[in-house]
PDB file of N, CA and C in Angstrom:
ATOM      1  N   UNK A   1      83.768 146.349 -80.036  1.00  0.00           N
ATOM      2  CA  UNK A   1      83.023 146.857 -79.189  1.00  0.00           C
ATOM      3  C   UNK A   1      82.837 145.775 -78.120  1.00  0.00           C
ATOM      4  N   UNK A   2      83.389 146.028 -76.811  1.00  0.00           N
ATOM      5  CA  UNK A   2      83.285 144.904 -75.754  1.00  0.00           C
ATOM      6  C   UNK A   2      82.321 145.165 -74.621  1.00  0.00           C
ATOM      7  N   UNK A   3      81.615 144.028 -74.279  1.00  0.00           N
ATOM      8  CA  UNK A   3      80.558 144.521 -73.361  1.00  0.00           C
ATOM      9  C   UNK A   3      80.583 143.419 -72.324  1.00  0.00           C
ATOM     10  N   UNK A   4      80.495 143.644 -71.090  1.00  0.00           N
ATOM     11  CA  UNK A   4      80.340 142.768 -69.976  1.00  0.00           C
ATOM     12  C   UNK A   4      78.621 142.677 -69.550  1.00  0.00           C
ATOM     13  N   UNK A   5      78.228 141.322 -69.493  1.00  0.00           N
ATOM     14  CA  UNK A   5      76.924 141.102 -69.305  1.00  0.00           C
ATOM     15  C   UNK A   5      76.816 140.381 -67.946  1.00  0.00           C
ATOM     16  N   UNK A   6      75.844 140.837 -66.964  1.00  0.00           N
ATOM     17  CA  UNK A   6      75.506 139.893 -65.762  1.00  0.00           C
ATOM     18  C   UNK A   6      73.919 139.417 -66.198  1.00  0.00           C
ATOM     19  N   UNK A   7      73.729 138.105 -66.083  1.00  0.00           N
ATOM     20  CA  UNK A   7      72.443 137.846 -66.595  1.00  0.00           C
ATOM     21  C   UNK A   7      71.779 136.818 -65.189  1.00  0.00           C
ATOM     22  N   UNK A   8      70.506 137.632 -64.783  1.00  0.00           N
ATOM     23  CA  UNK A   8      70.053 137.086 -63.575  1.00  0.00           C
ATOM     24  C   UNK A   8      68.728 136.399 -64.080  1.00  0.00           C
ATOM     25  N   UNK A   9      68.255 135.528 -63.282  1.00  0.00           N
ATOM     26  CA  UNK A   9      67.134 134.788 -63.151  1.00  0.00           C
ATOM     27  C   UNK A   9      67.495 133.190 -63.075  1.00  0.00           C
ATOM     28  N   UNK A  10      66.734 132.291 -63.686  1.00  0.00           N
ATOM     29  CA  UNK A  10      66.889 131.129 -63.657  1.00  0.00           C
ATOM     30  C   UNK A  10      67.719 130.634 -64.855  1.00  0.00           C
ATOM     31  N   UNK A  11      69.154 130.896 -64.665  1.00  0.00           N
ATOM     32  CA  UNK A  11      70.046 130.826 -65.745  1.00  0.00           C
ATOM     33  C   UNK A  11      71.301 129.689 -65.666  1.00  0.00           C
ATOM     34  N   UNK A  12      71.062 129.180 -64.353  1.00  0.00           N
ATOM     35  CA  UNK A  12      72.278 128.099 -64.421  1.00  0.00           C
ATOM     36  C   UNK A  12      71.347 126.769 -64.194  1.00  0.00           C
ATOM     37  N   UNK A  13      72.093 125.625 -64.830  1.00  0.00           N
ATOM     38  CA  UNK A  13      71.393 124.308 -64.989  1.00  0.00           C
ATOM     39  C   UNK A  13      70.522 124.215 -65.886  1.00  0.00           C
ATOM     40  N   UNK A  14      70.331 125.280 -66.973  1.00  0.00           N
ATOM     41  CA  UNK A  14      69.499 125.191 -67.930  1.00  0.00           C
ATOM     42  C   UNK A  14      70.073 125.158 -69.328  1.00  0.00           C
ATOM     43  N   UNK A  15      71.495 124.992 -69.339  1.00  0.00           N
ATOM     44  CA  UNK A  15      72.173 125.082 -70.518  1.00  0.00           C
ATOM     45  C   UNK A  15      72.483 126.460 -71.259  1.00  0.00           C
ATOM     46  N   UNK A  16      72.507 127.451 -70.031  1.00  0.00           N
ATOM     47  CA  UNK A  16      72.592 128.898 -70.674  1.00  0.00           C
ATOM     48  C   UNK A  16      73.973 129.238 -70.980  1.00  0.00           C
ATOM     49  N   UNK A  17      74.981 128.748 -70.433  1.00  0.00           N
ATOM     50  CA  UNK A  17      76.449 129.009 -70.842  1.00  0.00           C
ATOM     51  C   UNK A  17      76.645 128.493 -72.273  1.00  0.00           C
ATOM     52  N   UNK A  18      76.335 127.201 -72.309  1.00  0.00           N
ATOM     53  CA  UNK A  18      76.691 126.442 -73.601  1.00  0.00           C
ATOM     54  C   UNK A  18      75.990 127.096 -74.614  1.00  0.00           C
ATOM     55  N   UNK A  19      74.786 127.276 -74.520  1.00  0.00           N
ATOM     56  CA  UNK A  19      74.171 127.973 -75.686  1.00  0.00           C
ATOM     57  C   UNK A  19      74.554 129.367 -75.963  1.00  0.00           C
ATOM     58  N   UNK A  20      74.836 130.265 -74.989  1.00  0.00           N
ATOM     59  CA  UNK A  20      75.343 131.451 -75.247  1.00  0.00           C
ATOM     60  C   UNK A  20      76.713 131.289 -75.996  1.00  0.00           C
ATOM     61  N   UNK A  21      77.740 130.472 -75.482  1.00  0.00           N
ATOM     62  CA  UNK A  21      78.759 130.306 -76.190  1.00  0.00           C
ATOM     63  C   UNK A  21      78.720 129.851 -77.845  1.00  0.00           C
ATOM     64  N   UNK A  22      77.739 129.143 -78.035  1.00  0.00           N
ATOM     65  CA  UNK A  22      77.485 128.727 -79.405  1.00  0.00           C
ATOM     66  C   UNK A  22      76.975 129.799 -80.375  1.00  0.00           C
ATOM     67  N   UNK A  23      75.794 130.657 -79.523  1.00  0.00           N
ATOM     68  CA  UNK A  23      75.410 131.619 -80.356  1.00  0.00           C
ATOM     69  C   UNK A  23      76.387 132.798 -80.627  1.00  0.00           C
ATOM     70  N   UNK A  24      77.212 132.905 -79.490  1.00  0.00           N
ATOM     71  CA  UNK A  24      78.414 134.070 -79.788  1.00  0.00           C
ATOM     72  C   UNK A  24      79.242 133.683 -80.767  1.00  0.00           C
ATOM     73  N   UNK A  25      79.870 132.265 -80.919  1.00  0.00           N
ATOM     74  CA  UNK A  25      80.578 132.030 -82.027  1.00  0.00           C
ATOM     75  C   UNK A  25      80.032 131.932 -83.112  1.00  0.00           C
ATOM     76  N   UNK A  26      78.759 131.691 -83.360  1.00  0.00           N
ATOM     77  CA  UNK A  26      78.074 131.542 -84.546  1.00  0.00           C
ATOM     78  C   UNK A  26      78.072 133.183 -85.125  1.00  0.00           C
ATOM     79  N   UNK A  27      78.019 134.211 -84.239  1.00  0.00           N
ATOM     80  CA  UNK A  27      78.013 135.598 -84.517  1.00  0.00           C
ATOM     81  C   UNK A  27      79.475 136.080 -84.823  1.00  0.00           C
ATOM     82  N   UNK A  28      80.469 135.329 -84.798  1.00  0.00           N
ATOM     83  CA  UNK A  28      81.816 135.599 -84.877  1.00  0.00           C
ATOM     84  C   UNK A  28      82.348 136.490 -83.664  1.00  0.00           C
ATOM     85  N   UNK A  29      81.780 136.421 -82.504  1.00  0.00           N
ATOM     86  CA  UNK A  29      82.062 137.098 -81.226  1.00  0.00           C
ATOM     87  C   UNK A  29      83.285 136.436 -80.620  1.00  0.00           C
ATOM     88  N   UNK A  30      84.222 137.067 -80.032  1.00  0.00           N
ATOM     89  CA  UNK A  30      85.069 136.447 -78.994  1.00  0.00           C
ATOM     90  C   UNK A  30      84.776 136.957 -77.505  1.00  0.00           C
ATOM     91  N   UNK A  31      85.370 136.106 -76.623  1.00  0.00           N
ATOM     92  CA  UNK A  31      85.025 136.265 -75.095  1.00  0.00           C
ATOM     93  C   UNK A  31      84.999 135.271 -74.396  1.00  0.00           C
ATOM     94  N   UNK A  32      84.218 135.274 -73.255  1.00  0.00           N
ATOM     95  CA  UNK A  32      83.844 133.925 -72.313  1.00  0.00           C
ATOM     96  C   UNK A  32      82.466 134.153 -71.690  1.00  0.00           C
ATOM     97  N   UNK A  33      82.171 133.273 -71.163  1.00  0.00           N
ATOM     98  CA  UNK A  33      80.921 133.017 -70.355  1.00  0.00           C
ATOM     99  C   UNK A  33      81.283 131.991 -69.108  1.00  0.00           C
ATOM    100  N   UNK A  34      80.756 132.500 -67.889  1.00  0.00           N
ATOM    101  CA  UNK A  34      80.918 131.714 -66.578  1.00  0.00           C
ATOM    102  C   UNK A  34      79.718 131.833 -65.758  1.00  0.00           C
ATOM    103  N   UNK A  35      79.606 130.955 -65.016  1.00  0.00           N
ATOM    104  CA  UNK A  35      78.454 130.904 -63.823  1.00  0.00           C
ATOM    105  C   UNK A  35      79.202 131.752 -62.734  1.00  0.00           C
ATOM    106  N   UNK A  36      78.272 132.435 -61.925  1.00  0.00           N
ATOM    107  CA  UNK A  36      78.830 133.053 -60.750  1.00  0.00           C
ATOM    108  C   UNK A  36      78.242 132.566 -59.649  1.00  0.00           C
ATOM    109  N   UNK A  37      79.004 132.704 -58.479  1.00  0.00           N
ATOM    110  CA  UNK A  37      78.492 131.898 -57.140  1.00  0.00           C
ATOM    111  C   UNK A  37      77.113 132.552 -56.720  1.00  0.00           C
ATOM    112  N   UNK A  38      76.635 133.526 -57.221  1.00  0.00           N
ATOM    113  CA  UNK A  38      75.285 134.271 -56.684  1.00  0.00           C
ATOM    114  C   UNK A  38      74.120 133.534 -57.532  1.00  0.00           C
ATOM    115  N   UNK A  39      74.464 132.794 -58.454  1.00  0.00           N
ATOM    116  CA  UNK A  39      73.420 132.065 -59.491  1.00  0.00           C
ATOM    117  C   UNK A  39      73.095 132.898 -60.807  1.00  0.00           C
ATOM    118  N   UNK A  40      73.858 133.851 -60.935  1.00  0.00           N
ATOM    119  CA  UNK A  40      73.938 134.640 -62.051  1.00  0.00           C
ATOM    120  C   UNK A  40      74.878 133.887 -63.107  1.00  0.00           C
ATOM    121  N   UNK A  41      74.842 134.511 -64.341  1.00  0.00           N
ATOM    122  CA  UNK A  41      75.795 134.354 -65.444  1.00  0.00           C
ATOM    123  C   UNK A  41      76.571 135.540 -65.819  1.00  0.00           C
ATOM    124  N   UNK A  42      77.887 135.419 -65.985  1.00  0.00           N
ATOM    125  CA  UNK A  42      78.588 136.542 -66.309  1.00  0.00           C
ATOM    126  C   UNK A  42      79.239 136.218 -67.784  1.00  0.00           C
ATOM    127  N   UNK A  43      79.169 137.270 -68.662  1.00  0.00           N
ATOM    128  CA  UNK A  43      79.841 137.034 -69.879  1.00  0.00           C
ATOM    129  C   UNK A  43      80.482 138.468 -70.438  1.00  0.00           C
ATOM    130  N   UNK A  44      81.734 138.032 -71.017  1.00  0.00           N
ATOM    131  CA  UNK A  44      82.380 139.301 -71.732  1.00  0.00           C
ATOM    132  C   UNK A  44      82.171 138.916 -73.392  1.00  0.00           C
ATOM    133  N   UNK A  45      81.545 139.898 -74.037  1.00  0.00           N
ATOM    134  CA  UNK A  45      81.654 139.767 -75.606  1.00  0.00           C
ATOM    135  C   UNK A  45      82.227 140.671 -76.329  1.00  0.00           C
ATOM    136  N   UNK A  46      83.044 140.488 -77.418  1.00  0.00           N
ATOM    137  CA  UNK A  46      83.547 141.448 -78.181  1.00  0.00           C
ATOM    138  C   UNK A  46      83.446 141.142 -79.781  1.00  0.00           C
ATOM    139  N   UNK A  47      83.178 142.172 -80.511  1.00  0.00           N
ATOM    140  CA  UNK A  47      83.082 142.074 -81.804  1.00  0.00           C
ATOM    141  C   UNK A  47      82.365 143.330 -82.363  1.00  0.00           C
ATOM    142  N   UNK A  48      81.848 143.004 -83.830  1.00  0.00           N
ATOM    143  CA  UNK A  48      81.240 144.248 -84.078  1.00  0.00           C
ATOM    144  C   UNK A  48      79.973 144.684 -83.620  1.00  0.00           C
ATOM    145  N   UNK A  49      79.579 145.974 -83.649  1.00  0.00           N
ATOM    146  CA  UNK A  49      78.447 146.311 -82.907  1.00  0.00           C
ATOM    147  C   UNK A  49      77.129 145.520 -83.219  1.00  0.00           C
ATOM    148  N   UNK A  50      76.870 145.280 -84.531  1.00  0.00           N
ATOM    149  CA  UNK A  50      75.584 144.531 -84.817  1.00  0.00           C
ATOM    150  C   UNK A  50      75.715 143.096 -84.072  1.00  0.00           C
ATOM    151  N   UNK A  51      76.793 142.414 -83.959  1.00  0.00           N
ATOM    152  CA  UNK A  51      76.767 141.250 -83.584  1.00  0.00           C
ATOM    153  C   UNK A  51      76.771 141.242 -81.781  1.00  0.00           C
ATOM    154  N   UNK A  52      77.139 142.285 -81.392  1.00  0.00           N
ATOM    155  CA  UNK A  52      77.166 142.564 -79.837  1.00  0.00           C
ATOM    156  C   UNK A  52      75.658 142.770 -79.522  1.00  0.00           C
ATOM    157  N   UNK A  53      74.900 143.535 -80.238  1.00  0.00           N
ATOM    158  CA  UNK A  53      73.778 143.762 -80.018  1.00  0.00           C
ATOM    159  C   UNK A  53      72.900 142.470 -80.482  1.00  0.00           C
ATOM    160  N   UNK A  54      72.971 141.584 -81.189  1.00  0.00           N
ATOM    161  CA  UNK A  54      72.283 140.379 -81.316  1.00  0.00           C
ATOM    162  C   UNK A  54      72.621 139.594 -80.147  1.00  0.00           C
ATOM    163  N   UNK A  55      73.781 139.232 -79.558  1.00  0.00           N
ATOM    164  CA  UNK A  55      74.109 138.347 -78.325  1.00  0.00           C
ATOM    165  C   UNK A  55      73.301 138.955 -77.121  1.00  0.00           C
ATOM    166  N   UNK A  56      73.296 140.335 -77.104  1.00  0.00           N
ATOM    167  CA  UNK A  56      72.560 141.020 -76.013  1.00  0.00           C
ATOM    168  C   UNK A  56      71.019 140.570 -76.096  1.00  0.00           C
ATOM    169  N   UNK A  57      70.484 140.739 -77.307  1.00  0.00           N
ATOM    170  CA  UNK A  57      69.097 140.335 -77.403  1.00  0.00           C
ATOM    171  C   UNK A  57      68.826 138.903 -77.138  1.00  0.00           C
ATOM    172  N   UNK A  58      69.649 138.065 -77.542  1.00  0.00           N
ATOM    173  CA  UNK A  58      69.563 136.813 -77.342  1.00  0.00           C
ATOM    174  C   UNK A  58      69.693 136.424 -75.684  1.00  0.00           C
ATOM    175  N   UNK A  59      70.663 137.222 -75.012  1.00  0.00           N
ATOM    176  CA  UNK A  59      70.742 136.893 -73.655  1.00  0.00           C
ATOM    177  C   UNK A  59      69.558 137.201 -72.731  1.00  0.00           C
ATOM    178  N   UNK A  60      68.834 138.048 -73.324  1.00  0.00           N
ATOM    179  CA  UNK A  60      67.605 138.593 -72.591  1.00  0.00           C
ATOM    180  C   UNK A  60      66.371 137.396 -72.772  1.00  0.00           C
ATOM    181  N   UNK A  61      66.595 136.680 -73.729  1.00  0.00           N
ATOM    182  CA  UNK A  61      65.784 135.452 -73.888  1.00  0.00           C
ATOM    183  C   UNK A  61      66.207 134.213 -73.268  1.00  0.00           C
ATOM    184  N   UNK A  62      67.505 133.852 -73.779  1.00  0.00           N
ATOM    185  CA  UNK A  62      68.249 132.654 -73.088  1.00  0.00           C
ATOM    186  C   UNK A  62      67.684 131.406 -74.035  1.00  0.00           C
ATOM    187  N   UNK A  63      68.227 130.244 -73.550  1.00  0.00           N
ATOM    188  CA  UNK A  63      67.777 128.867 -74.077  1.00  0.00           C
ATOM    189  C   UNK A  63      66.205 128.660 -73.576  1.00  0.00           C
ATOM    190  N   UNK A  64      65.541 127.758 -74.161  1.00  0.00           N
ATOM    191  CA  UNK A  64      64.094 127.635 -73.879  1.00  0.00           C
ATOM    192  C   UNK A  64      63.700 127.381 -72.123  1.00  0.00           C
ATOM    193  N   UNK A  65      64.700 126.662 -71.414  1.00  0.00           N
ATOM    194  CA  UNK A  65      64.572 126.446 -70.177  1.00  0.00           C
ATOM    195  C   UNK A  65      64.930 127.568 -69.295  1.00  0.00           C
ATOM    196  N   UNK A  66      65.657 128.490 -69.643  1.00  0.00           N
ATOM    197  CA  UNK A  66      65.833 129.600 -68.820  1.00  0.00           C
ATOM    198  C   UNK A  66      64.801 130.651 -68.652  1.00  0.00           C
ATOM    199  N   UNK A  67      64.808 131.447 -67.558  1.00  0.00           N
ATOM    200  CA  UNK A  67      63.975 132.500 -67.167  1.00  0.00           C
ATOM    201  C   UNK A  67      64.929 133.563 -66.731  1.00  0.00           C
ATOM    202  N   UNK A  68      65.114 134.575 -67.950  1.00  0.00           N
ATOM    203  CA  UNK A  68      65.692 135.460 -67.587  1.00  0.00           C
ATOM    204  C   UNK A  68      65.075 136.792 -67.028  1.00  0.00           C
ATOM    205  N   UNK A  69      65.631 137.469 -65.748  1.00  0.00           N
ATOM    206  CA  UNK A  69      64.730 138.282 -65.206  1.00  0.00           C
ATOM    207  C   UNK A  69      65.532 139.758 -65.260  1.00  0.00           C
ATOM    208  N   UNK A  70      66.946 139.632 -65.614  1.00  0.00           N
ATOM    209  CA  UNK A  70      67.620 141.128 -65.697  1.00  0.00           C
ATOM    210  C   UNK A  70      68.881 140.752 -66.570  1.00  0.00           C
ATOM    211  N   UNK A  71      69.291 141.875 -67.345  1.00  0.00           N
ATOM    212  CA  UNK A  71      70.607 141.858 -67.911  1.00  0.00           C
ATOM    213  C   UNK A  71      71.238 143.085 -67.908  1.00  0.00           C
ATOM    214  N   UNK A  72      72.286 143.166 -66.952  1.00  0.00           N
ATOM    215  CA  UNK A  72      73.046 144.291 -66.796  1.00  0.00           C
ATOM    216  C   UNK A  72      74.120 144.310 -67.846  1.00  0.00           C
ATOM    217  N   UNK A  73      74.487 145.414 -68.433  1.00  0.00           N
ATOM    218  CA  UNK A  73      75.380 145.566 -69.523  1.00  0.00           C
ATOM    219  C   UNK A  73      76.283 146.775 -69.074  1.00  0.00           C
ATOM    220  N   UNK A  74      77.470 146.578 -69.413  1.00  0.00           N
ATOM    221  CA  UNK A  74      78.576 147.722 -69.109  1.00  0.00           C
ATOM    222  C   UNK A  74      79.470 147.569 -70.173  1.00  0.00           C
ATOM    223  N   UNK A  75      80.298 148.607 -70.455  1.00  0.00           N
ATOM    224  CA  UNK A  75      81.377 148.615 -71.387  1.00  0.00           C
ATOM    225  C   UNK A  75      82.518 148.008 -70.516  1.00  0.00           C
ATOM    226  N   UNK A  76      83.457 147.422 -71.141  1.00  0.00           N
ATOM    227  CA  UNK A  76      84.653 146.875 -70.655  1.00  0.00           C
ATOM    228  C   UNK A  76      85.736 146.531 -71.492  1.00  0.00           C
ATOM    229  N   UNK A  77      86.806 146.179 -70.999  1.00  0.00           N
ATOM    230  CA  UNK A  77      88.101 146.006 -71.939  1.00  0.00           C
ATOM    231  C   UNK A  77      87.718 144.707 -72.774  1.00  0.00           C
ATOM    232  N   UNK A  78      88.252 144.636 -73.960  1.00  0.00           N
ATOM    233  CA  UNK A  78      88.229 143.493 -74.861  1.00  0.00           C
ATOM    234  C   UNK A  78      88.892 142.318 -74.254  1.00  0.00           C
ATOM    235  N   UNK A  79      88.587 141.021 -74.349  1.00  0.00           N
ATOM    236  CA  UNK A  79      88.965 139.872 -73.798  1.00  0.00           C
ATOM    237  C   UNK A  79      90.148 139.641 -74.668  1.00  0.00           C
ATOM    238  N   UNK A  80      90.965 138.761 -74.203  1.00  0.00           N
ATOM    239  CA  UNK A  80      92.221 138.262 -75.254  1.00  0.00           C
ATOM    240  C   UNK A  80      91.623 137.558 -76.629  1.00  0.00           C
ATOM    241  N   UNK A  81      92.487 137.970 -77.769  1.00  0.00           N
ATOM    242  CA  UNK A  81      91.871 137.540 -78.884  1.00  0.00           C
ATOM    243  C   UNK A  81      91.825 136.087 -78.734  1.00  0.00           C
ATOM    244  N   UNK A  82      90.798 135.537 -79.624  1.00  0.00           N
ATOM    245  CA  UNK A  82      90.634 134.011 -79.624  1.00  0.00           C
ATOM    246  C   UNK A  82      89.154 133.687 -79.776  1.00  0.00           C
ATOM    247  N   UNK A  83      88.828 132.487 -79.599  1.00  0.00           N
ATOM    248  CA  UNK A  83      87.532 131.805 -79.558  1.00  0.00           C
ATOM    249  C   UNK A  83      86.638 132.403 -78.443  1.00  0.00           C
ATOM    250  N   UNK A  84      85.597 132.118 -78.603  1.00  0.00           N
ATOM    251  CA  UNK A  84      84.468 132.201 -77.315  1.00  0.00           C
ATOM    252  C   UNK A  84      84.458 131.032 -76.464  1.00  0.00           C
ATOM    253  N   UNK A  85      84.736 130.921 -75.380  1.00  0.00           N
ATOM    254  CA  UNK A  85      84.971 129.928 -74.347  1.00  0.00           C
ATOM    255  C   UNK A  85      84.051 129.976 -73.146  1.00  0.00           C
ATOM    256  N   UNK A  86      83.833 128.764 -72.473  1.00  0.00           N
ATOM    257  CA  UNK A  86      83.222 128.749 -71.143  1.00  0.00           C
ATOM    258  C   UNK A  86      84.173 128.661 -70.304  1.00  0.00           C
ATOM    259  N   UNK A  87      84.340 129.470 -69.315  1.00  0.00           N
ATOM    260  CA  UNK A  87      85.492 129.349 -68.200  1.00  0.00           C
ATOM    261  C   UNK A  87      84.940 129.085 -67.005  1.00  0.00           C
ATOM    262  N   UNK A  88      85.809 128.746 -66.072  1.00  0.00           N
ATOM    263  CA  UNK A  88      85.493 128.286 -64.540  1.00  0.00           C
ATOM    264  C   UNK A  88      84.515 129.099 -63.909  1.00  0.00           C
ATOM    265  N   UNK A  89      83.789 128.736 -63.146  1.00  0.00           N
ATOM    266  CA  UNK A  89      82.995 129.447 -62.198  1.00  0.00           C
ATOM    267  C   UNK A  89      83.602 130.451 -61.340  1.00  0.00           C
ATOM    268  N   UNK A  90      82.765 131.516 -61.145  1.00  0.00           N
ATOM    269  CA  UNK A  90      83.546 132.585 -60.251  1.00  0.00           C
ATOM    270  C   UNK A  90      82.645 132.790 -58.935  1.00  0.00           C
TER     271      UNK A  90
END
């Protein structure tokens, strides 16, 4: 089950990407996360439904310094198989 997330709010410069990557890896998810030029964070997550639901719930909270105002979620194609990684900004 692959989902694309766009997370808005105070989510850059607060450890959001690194913490999301750690949480996703701990849940056994595959995919990637990156900053976007508009100040949001984008992630593609893939794995079993329960793990994807768990990372979506986490994304709505974020790390302690983050202030999440919105999480947009859409179905997407699964990312290449591998680990969860932080990619270059877009």
